[in-house]
PDB file of N, CA and C in Angstrom:
ATOM      1  N   MET A   1      13.847   2.313   5.017  1.00  0.00           N
ATOM      2  CA  MET A   1      13.429   1.402   3.985  1.00  0.00           C
ATOM      3  C   MET A   1      12.102   0.755   4.385  1.00  0.00           C
ATOM      4  N   LYS A   2      11.170   0.708   3.472  1.00  0.00           N
ATOM      5  CA  LYS A   2       9.845   0.172   3.743  1.00  0.00           C
ATOM      6  C   LYS A   2       9.845  -1.340   3.566  1.00  0.00           C
ATOM      7  N   LYS A   3       9.284  -2.038   4.547  1.00  0.00           N
ATOM      8  CA  LYS A   3       9.217  -3.488   4.509  1.00  0.00           C
ATOM      9  C   LYS A   3       7.949  -3.920   3.780  1.00  0.00           C
ATOM     10  N   ASN A   4       8.077  -4.896   2.875  1.00  0.00           N
ATOM     11  CA  ASN A   4       6.911  -5.407   2.161  1.00  0.00           C
ATOM     12  C   ASN A   4       6.066  -6.238   3.103  1.00  0.00           C
ATOM     13  N   LYS A   5       4.774  -6.027   3.062  1.00  0.00           N
ATOM     14  CA  LYS A   5       3.859  -6.767   3.922  1.00  0.00           C
ATOM     15  C   LYS A   5       3.407  -8.035   3.210  1.00  0.00           C
ATOM     16  N   ILE A   6       3.220  -9.080   4.005  1.00  0.00           N
ATOM     17  CA  ILE A   6       2.732 -10.351   3.498  1.00  0.00           C
ATOM     18  C   ILE A   6       1.215 -10.243   3.338  1.00  0.00           C
ATOM     19  N   THR A   7       0.697 -10.680   2.204  1.00  0.00           N
ATOM     20  CA  THR A   7      -0.738 -10.642   1.947  1.00  0.00           C
ATOM     21  C   THR A   7      -1.285 -12.065   1.906  1.00  0.00           C
ATOM     22  N   ILE A   8      -2.607 -12.174   1.893  1.00  0.00           N
ATOM     23  CA  ILE A   8      -3.202 -13.503   1.799  1.00  0.00           C
ATOM     24  C   ILE A   8      -2.892 -14.138   0.447  1.00  0.00           C
ATOM     25  N   HIS A   9      -2.649 -13.316  -0.559  1.00  0.00           N
ATOM     26  CA  HIS A   9      -2.294 -13.839  -1.878  1.00  0.00           C
ATOM     27  C   HIS A   9      -0.908 -14.481  -1.845  1.00  0.00           C
ATOM     28  N   ASP A  10       0.024 -13.890  -1.103  1.00  0.00           N
ATOM     29  CA  ASP A  10       1.359 -14.474  -0.949  1.00  0.00           C
ATOM     30  C   ASP A  10       1.274 -15.825  -0.239  1.00  0.00           C
ATOM     31  N   ILE A  11       0.465 -15.893   0.798  1.00  0.00           N
ATOM     32  CA  ILE A  11       0.296 -17.133   1.546  1.00  0.00           C
ATOM     33  C   ILE A  11      -0.349 -18.193   0.656  1.00  0.00           C
ATOM     34  N   SER A  12      -1.353 -17.791  -0.114  1.00  0.00           N
ATOM     35  CA  SER A  12      -2.051 -18.728  -1.000  1.00  0.00           C
ATOM     36  C   SER A  12      -1.111 -19.308  -2.049  1.00  0.00           C
ATOM     37  N   LYS A  13      -0.271 -18.474  -2.634  1.00  0.00           N
ATOM     38  CA  LYS A  13       0.698 -18.949  -3.624  1.00  0.00           C
ATOM     39  C   LYS A  13       1.701 -19.894  -2.983  1.00  0.00           C
ATOM     40  N   HIS A  14       2.121 -19.588  -1.762  1.00  0.00           N
ATOM     41  CA  HIS A  14       3.136 -20.391  -1.077  1.00  0.00           C
ATOM     42  C   HIS A  14       2.648 -21.812  -0.799  1.00  0.00           C
ATOM     43  N   ILE A  15       1.393 -21.964  -0.392  1.00  0.00           N
ATOM     44  CA  ILE A  15       0.877 -23.299  -0.063  1.00  0.00           C
ATOM     45  C   ILE A  15      -0.063 -23.848  -1.126  1.00  0.00           C
ATOM     46  N   ARG A  16      -0.229 -23.117  -2.226  1.00  0.00           N
ATOM     47  CA  ARG A  16      -1.008 -23.547  -3.381  1.00  0.00           C
ATOM     48  C   ARG A  16      -2.471 -23.841  -3.050  1.00  0.00           C
ATOM     49  N   VAL A  17      -3.107 -22.861  -2.424  1.00  0.00           N
ATOM     50  CA  VAL A  17      -4.557 -22.903  -2.214  1.00  0.00           C
ATOM     51  C   VAL A  17      -5.140 -21.596  -2.738  1.00  0.00           C
ATOM     52  N   ASP A  18      -6.423 -21.563  -2.905  1.00  0.00           N
ATOM     53  CA  ASP A  18      -7.083 -20.357  -3.393  1.00  0.00           C
ATOM     54  C   ASP A  18      -7.073 -19.273  -2.323  1.00  0.00           C
ATOM     55  N   SER A  19      -6.967 -18.017  -2.741  1.00  0.00           N
ATOM     56  CA  SER A  19      -6.928 -16.920  -1.775  1.00  0.00           C
ATOM     57  C   SER A  19      -8.246 -16.779  -1.015  1.00  0.00           C
ATOM     58  N   SER A  20      -9.355 -17.191  -1.623  1.00  0.00           N
ATOM     59  CA  SER A  20     -10.633 -17.144  -0.897  1.00  0.00           C
ATOM     60  C   SER A  20     -10.644 -18.159   0.242  1.00  0.00           C
ATOM     61  N   ALA A  21     -10.008 -19.312   0.039  1.00  0.00           N
ATOM     62  CA  ALA A  21      -9.905 -20.301   1.119  1.00  0.00           C
ATOM     63  C   ALA A  21      -9.032 -19.761   2.240  1.00  0.00           C
ATOM     64  N   THR A  22      -7.980 -19.051   1.895  1.00  0.00           N
ATOM     65  CA  THR A  22      -7.113 -18.438   2.905  1.00  0.00           C
ATOM     66  C   THR A  22      -7.884 -17.410   3.710  1.00  0.00           C
ATOM     67  N   SER A  23      -8.649 -16.583   3.028  1.00  0.00           N
ATOM     68  CA  SER A  23      -9.456 -15.576   3.706  1.00  0.00           C
ATOM     69  C   SER A  23     -10.478 -16.228   4.629  1.00  0.00           C
ATOM     70  N   ARG A  24     -11.131 -17.273   4.151  1.00  0.00           N
ATOM     71  CA  ARG A  24     -12.130 -17.963   4.975  1.00  0.00           C
ATOM     72  C   ARG A  24     -11.494 -18.610   6.201  1.00  0.00           C
ATOM     73  N   ALA A  25     -10.307 -19.186   6.023  1.00  0.00           N
ATOM     74  CA  ALA A  25      -9.622 -19.820   7.154  1.00  0.00           C
ATOM     75  C   ALA A  25      -9.233 -18.785   8.200  1.00  0.00           C
ATOM     76  N   LEU A  26      -8.787 -17.620   7.764  1.00  0.00           N
ATOM     77  CA  LEU A  26      -8.401 -16.573   8.701  1.00  0.00           C
ATOM     78  C   LEU A  26      -9.611 -15.995   9.432  1.00  0.00           C
ATOM     79  N   ASN A  27     -10.787 -16.089   8.802  1.00  0.00           N
ATOM     80  CA  ASN A  27     -12.019 -15.608   9.428  1.00  0.00           C
ATOM     81  C   ASN A  27     -12.765 -16.727  10.146  1.00  0.00           C
ATOM     82  N   ASP A  28     -12.126 -17.876  10.288  1.00  0.00           N
ATOM     83  CA  ASP A  28     -12.658 -19.031  11.029  1.00  0.00           C
ATOM     84  C   ASP A  28     -13.994 -19.516  10.467  1.00  0.00           C
ATOM     85  N   SER A  29     -14.055 -19.655   9.156  1.00  0.00           N
ATOM     86  CA  SER A  29     -15.261 -20.137   8.503  1.00  0.00           C
ATOM     87  C   SER A  29     -15.351 -21.658   8.591  1.00  0.00           C
ATOM     88  N   VAL A  30     -16.565 -22.165   8.629  1.00  0.00           N
ATOM     89  CA  VAL A  30     -16.775 -23.613   8.658  1.00  0.00           C
ATOM     90  C   VAL A  30     -16.654 -24.229   7.262  1.00  0.00           C
ATOM     91  N   ARG A  31     -16.533 -23.405   6.243  1.00  0.00           N
ATOM     92  CA  ARG A  31     -16.430 -23.876   4.868  1.00  0.00           C
ATOM     93  C   ARG A  31     -15.035 -24.390   4.519  1.00  0.00           C
ATOM     94  N   VAL A  32     -14.079 -24.274   5.453  1.00  0.00           N
ATOM     95  CA  VAL A  32     -12.712 -24.730   5.226  1.00  0.00           C
ATOM     96  C   VAL A  32     -12.449 -25.900   6.163  1.00  0.00           C
ATOM     97  N   SER A  33     -11.833 -26.957   5.629  1.00  0.00           N
ATOM     98  CA  SER A  33     -11.566 -28.138   6.455  1.00  0.00           C
ATOM     99  C   SER A  33     -10.537 -27.814   7.540  1.00  0.00           C
ATOM    100  N   LYS A  34     -10.559 -28.595   8.612  1.00  0.00           N
ATOM    101  CA  LYS A  34      -9.620 -28.366   9.721  1.00  0.00           C
ATOM    102  C   LYS A  34      -8.176 -28.521   9.267  1.00  0.00           C
ATOM    103  N   LYS A  35      -7.924 -29.480   8.385  1.00  0.00           N
ATOM    104  CA  LYS A  35      -6.571 -29.719   7.881  1.00  0.00           C
ATOM    105  C   LYS A  35      -6.054 -28.489   7.120  1.00  0.00           C
ATOM    106  N   THR A  36      -6.875 -27.960   6.228  1.00  0.00           N
ATOM    107  CA  THR A  36      -6.484 -26.780   5.452  1.00  0.00           C
ATOM    108  C   THR A  36      -6.350 -25.563   6.349  1.00  0.00           C
ATOM    109  N   LYS A  37      -7.274 -25.411   7.287  1.00  0.00           N
ATOM    110  CA  LYS A  37      -7.233 -24.278   8.200  1.00  0.00           C
ATOM    111  C   LYS A  37      -5.953 -24.295   9.031  1.00  0.00           C
ATOM    112  N   THR A  38      -5.580 -25.476   9.516  1.00  0.00           N
ATOM    113  CA  THR A  38      -4.346 -25.607  10.302  1.00  0.00           C
ATOM    114  C   THR A  38      -3.127 -25.265   9.458  1.00  0.00           C
ATOM    115  N   LEU A  39      -3.098 -25.755   8.214  1.00  0.00           N
ATOM    116  CA  LEU A  39      -1.986 -25.460   7.305  1.00  0.00           C
ATOM    117  C   LEU A  39      -1.866 -23.959   7.060  1.00  0.00           C
ATOM    118  N   ILE A  40      -2.988 -23.308   6.811  1.00  0.00           N
ATOM    119  CA  ILE A  40      -2.980 -21.870   6.530  1.00  0.00           C
ATOM    120  C   ILE A  40      -2.556 -21.073   7.762  1.00  0.00           C
ATOM    121  N   LEU A  41      -3.085 -21.419   8.917  1.00  0.00           N
ATOM    122  CA  LEU A  41      -2.735 -20.682  10.139  1.00  0.00           C
ATOM    123  C   LEU A  41      -1.267 -20.868  10.506  1.00  0.00           C
ATOM    124  N   ASN A  42      -0.738 -22.063  10.312  1.00  0.00           N
ATOM    125  CA  ASN A  42       0.690 -22.289  10.571  1.00  0.00           C
ATOM    126  C   ASN A  42       1.557 -21.494   9.605  1.00  0.00           C
ATOM    127  N   THR A  43       1.159 -21.447   8.342  1.00  0.00           N
ATOM    128  CA  THR A  43       1.923 -20.702   7.337  1.00  0.00           C
ATOM    129  C   THR A  43       1.881 -19.206   7.614  1.00  0.00           C
ATOM    130  N   THR A  44       0.722 -18.694   8.039  1.00  0.00           N
ATOM    131  CA  THR A  44       0.635 -17.261   8.326  1.00  0.00           C
ATOM    132  C   THR A  44       1.553 -16.866   9.477  1.00  0.00           C
ATOM    133  N   SER A  45       1.641 -17.716  10.492  1.00  0.00           N
ATOM    134  CA  SER A  45       2.531 -17.390  11.610  1.00  0.00           C
ATOM    135  C   SER A  45       3.994 -17.518  11.207  1.00  0.00           C
ATOM    136  N   GLU A  46       4.332 -18.489  10.356  1.00  0.00           N
ATOM    137  CA  GLU A  46       5.714 -18.647   9.886  1.00  0.00           C
ATOM    138  C   GLU A  46       6.151 -17.480   9.017  1.00  0.00           C
ATOM    139  N   MET A  47       5.247 -17.007   8.165  1.00  0.00           N
ATOM    140  CA  MET A  47       5.596 -15.925   7.234  1.00  0.00           C
ATOM    141  C   MET A  47       5.467 -14.545   7.864  1.00  0.00           C
ATOM    142  N   GLY A  48       4.893 -14.468   9.057  1.00  0.00           N
ATOM    143  CA  GLY A  48       4.769 -13.181   9.736  1.00  0.00           C
ATOM    144  C   GLY A  48       3.625 -12.333   9.230  1.00  0.00           C
ATOM    145  N   TYR A  49       2.529 -12.974   8.837  1.00  0.00           N
ATOM    146  CA  TYR A  49       1.359 -12.246   8.340  1.00  0.00           C
ATOM    147  C   TYR A  49       0.693 -11.482   9.469  1.00  0.00           C
ATOM    148  N   GLN A  50       0.333 -10.233   9.190  1.00  0.00           N
ATOM    149  CA  GLN A  50      -0.448  -9.425  10.121  1.00  0.00           C
ATOM    150  C   GLN A  50      -1.618  -8.830   9.355  1.00  0.00           C
ATOM    151  N   ARG A  51      -2.806  -9.016   9.901  1.00  0.00           N
ATOM    152  CA  ARG A  51      -4.005  -8.504   9.256  1.00  0.00           C
ATOM    153  C   ARG A  51      -3.973  -6.979   9.225  1.00  0.00           C
ATOM    154  N   ASN A  52      -4.382  -6.402   8.107  1.00  0.00           N
ATOM    155  CA  ASN A  52      -4.471  -4.954   7.973  1.00  0.00           C
ATOM    156  C   ASN A  52      -5.814  -4.519   8.566  1.00  0.00           C
ATOM    157  N   LEU A  53      -5.782  -4.057   9.809  1.00  0.00           N
ATOM    158  CA  LEU A  53      -7.017  -3.694  10.503  1.00  0.00           C
ATOM    159  C   LEU A  53      -7.721  -2.509   9.854  1.00  0.00           C
ATOM    160  N   LEU A  54      -6.957  -1.584   9.308  1.00  0.00           N
ATOM    161  CA  LEU A  54      -7.577  -0.431   8.651  1.00  0.00           C
ATOM    162  C   LEU A  54      -8.399  -0.890   7.455  1.00  0.00           C
ATOM    163  N   ALA A  55      -7.851  -1.776   6.650  1.00  0.00           N
ATOM    164  CA  ALA A  55      -8.584  -2.274   5.480  1.00  0.00           C
ATOM    165  C   ALA A  55      -9.804  -3.085   5.904  1.00  0.00           C
ATOM    166  N   SER A  56      -9.658  -3.902   6.937  1.00  0.00           N
ATOM    167  CA  SER A  56     -10.790  -4.698   7.424  1.00  0.00           C
ATOM    168  C   SER A  56     -11.905  -3.802   7.930  1.00  0.00           C
ATOM    169  N   ASN A  57     -11.543  -2.773   8.666  1.00  0.00           N
ATOM    170  CA  ASN A  57     -12.548  -1.860   9.211  1.00  0.00           C
ATOM    171  C   ASN A  57     -13.220  -1.037   8.120  1.00  0.00           C
ATOM    172  N   LEU A  58     -12.476  -0.666   7.091  1.00  0.00           N
ATOM    173  CA  LEU A  58     -13.085   0.070   5.983  1.00  0.00           C
ATOM    174  C   LEU A  58     -14.102  -0.796   5.261  1.00  0.00           C
ATOM    175  N   ARG A  59     -13.789  -2.065   5.097  1.00  0.00           N
ATOM    176  CA  ARG A  59     -14.701  -2.983   4.423  1.00  0.00           C
ATOM    177  C   ARG A  59     -15.968  -3.190   5.239  1.00  0.00           C
ATOM    178  N   LYS A  60     -15.819  -3.256   6.565  1.00  0.00           N
ATOM    179  CA  LYS A  60     -16.967  -3.448   7.454  1.00  0.00           C
ATOM    180  C   LYS A  60     -17.718  -2.150   7.731  1.00  0.00           C
ATOM    181  N   ARG A  61     -17.108  -1.014   7.389  1.00  0.00           N
ATOM    182  CA  ARG A  61     -17.649   0.320   7.667  1.00  0.00           C
ATOM    183  C   ARG A  61     -17.780   0.585   9.159  1.00  0.00           C
ATOM    184  N   VAL A  62     -16.892   0.001   9.952  1.00  0.00           N
ATOM    185  CA  VAL A  62     -16.853   0.195  11.397  1.00  0.00           C
ATOM    186  C   VAL A  62     -15.399   0.401  11.786  1.00  0.00           C
ATOM    187  N   THR A  63     -15.107   1.464  12.534  1.00  0.00           N
ATOM    188  CA  THR A  63     -13.718   1.708  12.919  1.00  0.00           C
ATOM    189  C   THR A  63     -13.434   1.404  14.375  1.00  0.00           C
ATOM    190  N   ASN A  64     -14.459   1.440  15.234  1.00  0.00           N
ATOM    191  CA  ASN A  64     -14.266   1.242  16.673  1.00  0.00           C
ATOM    192  C   ASN A  64     -13.212   2.196  17.227  1.00  0.00           C
ATOM    193  N   THR A  65     -13.213   3.424  16.734  1.00  0.00           N
ATOM    194  CA  THR A  65     -12.249   4.433  17.141  1.00  0.00           C
ATOM    195  C   THR A  65     -12.975   5.591  17.800  1.00  0.00           C
ATOM    196  N   ILE A  66     -12.398   6.086  18.880  1.00  0.00           N
ATOM    197  CA  ILE A  66     -12.949   7.243  19.575  1.00  0.00           C
ATOM    198  C   ILE A  66     -12.006   8.412  19.356  1.00  0.00           C
ATOM    199  N   GLY A  67     -12.545   9.533  18.918  1.00  0.00           N
ATOM    200  CA  GLY A  67     -11.736  10.721  18.716  1.00  0.00           C
ATOM    201  C   GLY A  67     -11.679  11.566  19.982  1.00  0.00           C
ATOM    202  N   VAL A  68     -10.484  12.035  20.336  1.00  0.00           N
ATOM    203  CA  VAL A  68     -10.292  12.875  21.515  1.00  0.00           C
ATOM    204  C   VAL A  68      -9.661  14.178  21.064  1.00  0.00           C
ATOM    205  N   VAL A  69     -10.267  15.288  21.473  1.00  0.00           N
ATOM    206  CA  VAL A  69      -9.751  16.608  21.126  1.00  0.00           C
ATOM    207  C   VAL A  69      -9.292  17.290  22.406  1.00  0.00           C
ATOM    208  N   PRO A  70      -7.987  17.442  22.609  1.00  0.00           N
ATOM    209  CA  PRO A  70      -7.497  18.068  23.843  1.00  0.00           C
ATOM    210  C   PRO A  70      -7.566  19.600  23.781  1.00  0.00           C
ATOM    211  N   GLY A  71      -7.688  20.206  24.918  1.00  0.00           N
ATOM    212  CA  GLY A  71      -7.574  21.657  25.024  1.00  0.00           C
ATOM    213  C   GLY A  71      -8.782  22.456  24.601  1.00  0.00           C
ATOM    214  N   ILE A  72      -9.962  21.908  24.678  1.00  0.00           N
ATOM    215  CA  ILE A  72     -11.152  22.678  24.339  1.00  0.00           C
ATOM    216  C   ILE A  72     -11.631  23.374  25.608  1.00  0.00           C
ATOM    217  N   SER A  73     -11.770  24.699  25.539  1.00  0.00           N
ATOM    218  CA  SER A  73     -12.151  25.461  26.730  1.00  0.00           C
ATOM    219  C   SER A  73     -13.659  25.669  26.839  1.00  0.00           C
ATOM    220  N   ARG A  74     -14.389  25.464  25.768  1.00  0.00           N
ATOM    221  CA  ARG A  74     -15.837  25.645  25.800  1.00  0.00           C
ATOM    222  C   ARG A  74     -16.517  24.290  25.600  1.00  0.00           C
ATOM    223  N   HIS A  75     -17.674  24.169  26.215  1.00  0.00           N
ATOM    224  CA  HIS A  75     -18.409  22.931  26.086  1.00  0.00           C
ATOM    225  C   HIS A  75     -19.374  23.017  24.896  1.00  0.00           C
ATOM    226  N   PHE A  76     -19.333  22.036  24.077  1.00  0.00           N
ATOM    227  CA  PHE A  76     -20.279  21.950  22.950  1.00  0.00           C
ATOM    228  C   PHE A  76     -20.443  20.473  22.608  1.00  0.00           C
ATOM    229  N   PHE A  77     -21.500  20.200  21.842  1.00  0.00           N
ATOM    230  CA  PHE A  77     -21.834  18.813  21.496  1.00  0.00           C
ATOM    231  C   PHE A  77     -21.964  18.676  19.998  1.00  0.00           C
ATOM    232  N   PHE A  78     -21.558  17.519  19.511  1.00  0.00           N
ATOM    233  CA  PHE A  78     -21.737  17.201  18.102  1.00  0.00           C
ATOM    234  C   PHE A  78     -22.999  16.366  17.945  1.00  0.00           C
ATOM    235  N   ASN A  79     -23.721  16.568  16.856  1.00  0.00           N
ATOM    236  CA  ASN A  79     -24.896  15.745  16.551  1.00  0.00           C
ATOM    237  C   ASN A  79     -24.582  14.787  15.465  1.00  0.00           C
TER     238      ASN A  79
END
């Protein structure tokens, strides 16, 4: 059975703040007050929120992933 993942929209609805404020708080923006940031971070840990790294990396266009190909007997280089 597949478990539903908690999103920033779920957290925003739960504490009645805008989802953009939730996103900014999770990204440690200075545009969110300390009180709101603390509330959002506490709620994310209580609800079990985990950031989707694949989605974040796709948005940034950076994966920070190294590909390894085992069992190659000949040496060659990719350009």
